Amino acid sequence: MNAVLLGFNALLMIGLPFLLSWLIHRWRSASWRLFVIGAVTFILTQVVHIPFNYVFFSSISDWLNSLPKITTLVVTAALAGLSAGVFEEGGRYLTYRYWAKEARSWGQGLMLGTGHGGAEAIILGLIVAINITFLFGYRAGFFQSLVPAEQSNQLLGMADQLLTAPWIDSLMGAIERSLALCLHLALSLMVMQVFTRGSLVWLFIAIGWHAVVDAGVIISLDLLGPYFTELNIGVMALISLVVIFALLKEPEPEEERPQVLQLEDPAGPIEMTISSEQVDDSRYY
């Protein structure tokens, strides 16, 4: 049973972003091009974000380890959350400004957010699918030559653990990605407000909300375990949904249009006053 659920979990992680994008496309006529732009934006931000985190946290590891355990956890969570917020929301901002300049409507903002969060879900779903295929394939007698003999028992133990875990654990990845998509949709609309409202404050709001969510997940996972962490993500997703629907109640943002320079009608009558001297002068031409 768990093996089937694990496969279904991976399928949901990969398929949910496409389903959500299709619904947004049907509902708001948003272009699929924006889904691709959002996905590429996520990947590009991670190309910079992941190496930065590695270098930064390696450089302060001695200082972090010198702090009390709870302080280390809180500081690490805060810095990691802020890093994620700055890179991902900064990437969203640059995309809106330079790449997706036309994306100023609610549907377009939602499609960009689905691509951004969807890329993460798809990548993680593919990793899950590869891992469970390898583990259960190894358990069935395949891939034996790829694993050193001393690691065989460890892999078999991991496969058995997955098969005997509570059924809800098998679907945890899909549940988490569904909730995370709500966050990405809200963040995408928040950053879009920078351009539709002309206020950079919305970028800092998005960075702050992203940082709070990620920091909360890190702290909750360490102190309370996976189930309470998913509950925490669920609360954050609910708040994000409230933000989304609150924004969608407002009229569609109006696109900025260039001002048209009003010129006098060239075909209109032109009043001229001609003196008698000018009439006399014209006789010589």
Protein backbone atom coordinates (compact mmCIF):
# COMPACT_ATOMS: atom_id res chain seq x y z
CA MET A 1 0.00 0.00 0.00
CA ASN A 2 2.74 2.47 0.97
CA ALA A 3 4.63 1.77 -2.24
CA VAL A 4 1.58 2.82 -4.27
CA LEU A 5 1.09 5.93 -2.12
CA LEU A 6 4.74 6.89 -2.50
CA GLY A 7 4.44 6.67 -6.26
CA PHE A 8 1.21 8.68 -6.16
CA ASN A 9 2.94 11.25 -3.94
CA ALA A 10 5.72 11.78 -6.50
CA LEU A 11 3.16 12.00 -9.30
CA LEU A 12 1.19 14.65 -7.41
CA MET A 13 4.30 16.70 -6.69
CA ILE A 14 5.10 16.78 -10.40
CA GLY A 15 1.56 17.12 -11.70
CA LEU A 16 -0.01 19.66 -9.31
CA PRO A 17 1.82 22.70 -10.72
CA PHE A 18 0.65 21.85 -14.24
CA LEU A 19 -2.93 21.34 -13.06
CA LEU A 20 -2.94 24.64 -11.18
CA SER A 21 -1.42 26.46 -14.17
CA TRP A 22 -4.07 24.99 -16.46
CA LEU A 23 -6.82 26.23 -14.11
CA ILE A 24 -5.31 29.73 -13.99
CA HIS A 25 -4.95 29.72 -17.77
CA ARG A 26 -8.63 28.81 -18.17
CA TRP A 27 -9.78 31.24 -15.45
CA ARG A 28 -7.68 34.30 -16.29
CA SER A 29 -6.33 33.54 -19.79
CA ALA A 30 -2.75 33.85 -18.54
CA SER A 31 -0.04 32.79 -20.97
CA TRP A 32 1.89 29.56 -20.41
CA ARG A 33 4.98 31.59 -21.27
CA LEU A 34 4.74 33.13 -17.80
CA PHE A 35 4.78 29.68 -16.21
CA VAL A 36 8.07 28.96 -17.98
CA ILE A 37 9.48 32.36 -16.97
CA GLY A 38 8.54 31.73 -13.33
CA ALA A 39 10.16 28.29 -13.40
CA VAL A 40 13.38 29.60 -14.95
CA THR A 41 13.43 32.43 -12.39
CA PHE A 42 13.34 29.91 -9.53
CA ILE A 43 16.17 27.86 -11.02
CA LEU A 44 18.35 30.92 -11.64
CA THR A 45 17.85 32.20 -8.09
CA GLN A 46 18.93 28.82 -6.70
CA VAL A 47 22.06 28.82 -8.85
CA VAL A 48 23.16 31.85 -6.83
CA HIS A 49 21.32 31.19 -3.55
CA ILE A 50 22.65 27.71 -2.79
CA PRO A 51 26.38 28.57 -3.24
CA PHE A 52 25.87 31.77 -1.23
CA ASN A 53 24.33 29.84 1.67
CA TYR A 54 27.17 27.31 1.61
CA VAL A 55 29.89 29.97 1.70
CA PHE A 56 28.10 32.21 4.19
CA PHE A 57 27.16 29.56 6.74
CA SER A 58 30.58 27.92 6.44
CA SER A 59 32.19 31.25 7.28
CA ILE A 60 30.11 31.74 10.45
CA SER A 61 29.90 28.10 11.57
CA ASP A 62 32.42 28.54 14.41
CA TRP A 63 30.50 31.52 15.75
CA LEU A 64 27.17 29.71 15.50
CA ASN A 65 28.54 26.65 17.32
CA SER A 66 29.76 28.87 20.16
CA LEU A 67 26.20 30.01 20.91
CA PRO A 68 23.69 28.16 23.11
CA LYS A 69 21.81 25.50 21.17
CA ILE A 70 18.45 27.29 21.04
CA THR A 71 20.14 30.55 20.05
CA THR A 72 22.02 28.77 17.27
CA LEU A 73 18.74 27.35 15.98
CA VAL A 74 16.93 30.69 16.03
CA VAL A 75 19.82 32.64 14.46
CA THR A 76 20.36 29.99 11.78
CA ALA A 77 16.64 29.89 10.98
CA ALA A 78 16.42 33.69 10.79
CA LEU A 79 19.46 34.01 8.52
CA ALA A 80 18.38 31.13 6.27
CA GLY A 81 14.87 32.54 5.99
CA LEU A 82 16.16 36.02 5.19
CA SER A 83 18.54 34.60 2.60
CA ALA A 84 15.70 32.74 0.88
CA GLY A 85 13.50 35.82 0.96
CA VAL A 86 16.12 38.14 -0.48
CA PHE A 87 17.21 35.84 -3.32
CA GLU A 88 13.80 34.50 -4.36
CA GLU A 89 11.80 37.71 -4.00
CA GLY A 90 14.68 39.71 -5.46
CA GLY A 91 14.63 37.33 -8.41
CA ARG A 92 10.88 37.80 -8.77
CA TYR A 93 11.32 41.57 -8.72
CA LEU A 94 13.97 41.47 -11.47
CA THR A 95 11.76 39.18 -13.56
CA TYR A 96 8.80 41.56 -13.32
CA ARG A 97 11.00 44.53 -14.14
CA TYR A 98 13.11 43.23 -17.01
CA TRP A 99 11.69 39.95 -18.37
CA ALA A 100 7.93 39.80 -17.80
CA LYS A 101 7.19 43.51 -18.20
CA GLU A 102 3.69 42.73 -19.43
CA ALA A 103 2.76 40.76 -16.31
CA ARG A 104 0.67 43.30 -14.42
CA SER A 105 -2.71 41.55 -14.08
CA TRP A 106 -3.85 39.14 -11.36
CA GLY A 107 -3.88 36.14 -13.70
CA GLN A 108 -0.40 36.87 -14.99
CA GLY A 109 0.94 37.28 -11.45
CA LEU A 110 -0.62 33.98 -10.40
CA MET A 111 0.84 32.19 -13.42
CA LEU A 112 4.33 33.50 -12.63
CA GLY A 113 3.95 32.34 -9.03
CA THR A 114 2.81 28.89 -10.14
CA GLY A 115 5.86 28.55 -12.37
CA HIS A 116 8.19 29.68 -9.58
CA GLY A 117 6.78 27.37 -6.90
CA GLY A 118 5.97 24.69 -9.45
CA ALA A 119 9.57 24.35 -10.55
CA GLU A 120 10.55 23.57 -6.96
CA ALA A 121 7.74 21.02 -6.64
CA ILE A 122 8.61 19.33 -9.94
CA ILE A 123 12.33 19.09 -9.11
CA LEU A 124 11.61 17.63 -5.66
CA GLY A 125 9.03 15.27 -7.14
CA LEU A 126 11.53 13.95 -9.66
CA ILE A 127 14.09 13.41 -6.88
CA VAL A 128 11.49 11.49 -4.85
CA ALA A 129 10.53 9.40 -7.87
CA ILE A 130 14.16 8.51 -8.63
CA ASN A 131 14.90 7.65 -5.00
CA ILE A 132 11.91 5.36 -4.46
CA THR A 133 12.48 3.70 -7.85
CA PHE A 134 16.07 2.96 -6.88
CA LEU A 135 15.26 1.81 -3.32
CA PHE A 136 12.46 -0.54 -4.26
CA GLY A 137 14.31 -1.69 -7.35
CA TYR A 138 17.30 -2.55 -5.17
CA ARG A 139 15.01 -4.35 -2.73
CA ALA A 140 13.65 -6.40 -5.65
CA GLY A 141 17.14 -7.40 -6.75
CA PHE A 142 18.01 -4.71 -9.29
CA PHE A 143 20.88 -2.19 -9.24
CA GLN A 144 22.96 -4.52 -7.06
CA SER A 145 26.19 -3.71 -8.86
CA LEU A 146 25.76 0.02 -8.19
CA VAL A 147 25.93 -0.24 -4.39
CA PRO A 148 28.91 -1.38 -2.27
CA ALA A 149 28.14 -4.50 -0.23
CA GLU A 150 28.65 -2.71 3.10
CA GLN A 151 25.79 -0.29 2.26
CA SER A 152 23.33 -2.99 1.28
CA ASN A 153 21.73 -3.39 4.72
CA GLN A 154 21.37 0.36 5.08
CA LEU A 155 19.46 0.67 1.80
CA LEU A 156 17.25 -2.31 2.59
CA GLY A 157 16.50 -0.79 5.99
CA MET A 158 15.49 2.50 4.36
CA ALA A 159 13.15 0.70 1.98
CA ASP A 160 11.56 -1.28 4.83
CA GLN A 161 11.13 1.91 6.85
CA LEU A 162 9.25 3.56 4.00
CA LEU A 163 7.00 0.54 3.58
CA THR A 164 6.10 0.32 7.29
CA ALA A 165 5.70 4.06 7.99
CA PRO A 166 2.22 5.54 8.63
CA TRP A 167 0.38 6.00 5.36
CA ILE A 168 0.15 9.77 5.81
CA ASP A 169 3.96 9.96 5.69
CA SER A 170 3.86 8.62 2.14
CA LEU A 171 1.85 11.66 1.01
CA MET A 172 3.72 14.28 3.05
CA GLY A 173 5.69 15.61 0.09
CA ALA A 174 2.58 16.32 -1.99
CA ILE A 175 0.82 17.93 0.97
CA GLU A 176 3.80 20.19 1.68
CA ARG A 177 4.19 21.25 -1.96
CA SER A 178 0.47 22.05 -2.22
CA LEU A 179 0.75 24.34 0.79
CA ALA A 180 4.00 25.87 -0.49
CA LEU A 181 2.31 26.74 -3.80
CA CYS A 182 -0.17 28.91 -1.87
CA LEU A 183 2.79 30.81 -0.44
CA HIS A 184 4.39 31.30 -3.87
CA LEU A 185 1.15 32.60 -5.38
CA ALA A 186 0.79 35.17 -2.61
CA LEU A 187 4.43 36.24 -2.87
CA SER A 188 4.16 36.63 -6.63
CA LEU A 189 1.17 38.96 -6.27
CA MET A 190 2.92 40.90 -3.49
CA VAL A 191 5.98 41.60 -5.62
CA MET A 192 3.75 42.56 -8.56
CA GLN A 193 2.33 45.36 -6.38
CA VAL A 194 5.70 47.11 -6.61
CA PHE A 195 4.85 47.88 -10.25
CA THR A 196 1.07 48.21 -10.14
CA ARG A 197 1.07 50.46 -7.05
CA GLY A 198 4.47 52.05 -7.60
CA SER A 199 5.72 51.25 -4.09
CA LEU A 200 8.91 49.34 -3.25
CA VAL A 201 7.48 48.61 0.21
CA TRP A 202 5.71 45.57 -1.23
CA LEU A 203 9.05 43.96 -2.09
CA PHE A 204 10.17 44.22 1.54
CA ILE A 205 6.80 42.82 2.68
CA ALA A 206 7.31 39.81 0.40
CA ILE A 207 10.89 39.29 1.60
CA GLY A 208 9.75 39.51 5.23
CA TRP A 209 6.85 37.07 4.77
CA HIS A 210 9.09 34.58 2.96
CA ALA A 211 11.70 34.85 5.73
CA VAL A 212 9.11 34.33 8.48
CA VAL A 213 7.67 31.23 6.82
CA ASP A 214 11.05 29.59 6.15
CA ALA A 215 12.42 30.41 9.61
CA GLY A 216 9.26 29.05 11.21
CA VAL A 217 9.61 25.79 9.29
CA ILE A 218 13.24 25.32 10.36
CA ILE A 219 12.50 25.99 14.04
CA SER A 220 9.33 23.90 14.06
CA LEU A 221 11.00 20.94 12.37
CA ASP A 222 13.80 20.91 14.95
CA LEU A 223 11.64 21.40 18.05
CA LEU A 224 8.27 19.89 17.20
CA GLY A 225 8.82 17.32 14.45
CA PRO A 226 7.37 16.85 10.95
CA TYR A 227 3.65 16.73 11.81
CA PHE A 228 3.58 20.03 13.69
CA THR A 229 5.78 21.51 10.97
CA GLU A 230 3.20 20.61 8.34
CA LEU A 231 0.53 22.14 10.56
CA ASN A 232 2.65 25.30 10.77
CA ILE A 233 3.01 25.39 6.99
CA GLY A 234 -0.74 24.90 6.71
CA VAL A 235 -1.40 27.98 8.87
CA MET A 236 1.03 30.01 6.76
CA ALA A 237 -0.64 28.74 3.58
CA LEU A 238 -4.06 29.76 4.93
CA ILE A 239 -2.80 33.28 5.65
CA SER A 240 -1.31 33.38 2.13
CA LEU A 241 -4.68 32.38 0.66
CA VAL A 242 -6.36 35.20 2.60
CA VAL A 243 -3.83 37.62 1.06
CA ILE A 244 -4.47 36.22 -2.42
CA PHE A 245 -8.26 36.55 -2.27
CA ALA A 246 -8.05 39.95 -0.60
CA LEU A 247 -5.98 41.20 -3.54
CA LEU A 248 -8.19 39.48 -6.13
CA LYS A 249 -11.22 41.35 -4.80
CA GLU A 250 -9.66 44.58 -6.00
CA PRO A 251 -10.09 45.71 -9.64
CA GLU A 252 -7.57 44.55 -12.18
CA PRO A 253 -4.46 46.74 -12.02
CA GLU A 254 -4.41 49.29 -14.81
CA GLU A 255 -1.40 49.16 -17.06
CA GLU A 256 0.55 52.38 -17.42
CA ARG A 257 -0.08 53.94 -20.80
CA PRO A 258 2.12 56.54 -22.44
CA GLN A 259 0.64 60.02 -22.44
CA VAL A 260 -0.56 61.17 -25.85
CA LEU A 261 0.66 64.62 -26.81
CA GLN A 262 -2.32 66.70 -27.89
CA LEU A 263 -1.56 68.75 -31.02
CA GLU A 264 -3.72 71.35 -32.71
CA ASP A 265 -5.62 70.12 -35.73
CA PRO A 266 -3.40 70.93 -38.71
CA ALA A 267 -6.43 70.94 -40.96
CA GLY A 268 -8.23 73.55 -38.90
CA PRO A 269 -8.66 77.15 -39.98
CA ILE A 270 -5.67 79.43 -39.53
CA GLU A 271 -6.42 83.06 -38.81
CA MET A 272 -4.09 85.50 -40.55
CA THR A 273 -4.13 89.29 -40.75
CA ILE A 274 -2.71 90.75 -43.97
CA SER A 275 -1.92 94.44 -44.16
CA SER A 276 -2.27 96.61 -47.25
CA GLU A 277 1.53 97.02 -47.32
CA GLN A 278 1.97 93.24 -47.60
CA VAL A 279 -0.48 93.17 -50.50
CA ASP A 280 1.45 95.91 -52.30
CA ASP A 281 4.77 94.13 -51.67
CA SER A 282 3.45 90.90 -53.15
CA ARG A 283 3.17 92.53 -56.57
CA TYR A 284 6.95 92.34 -56.96
CA TYR A 285 7.17 88.52 -56.54
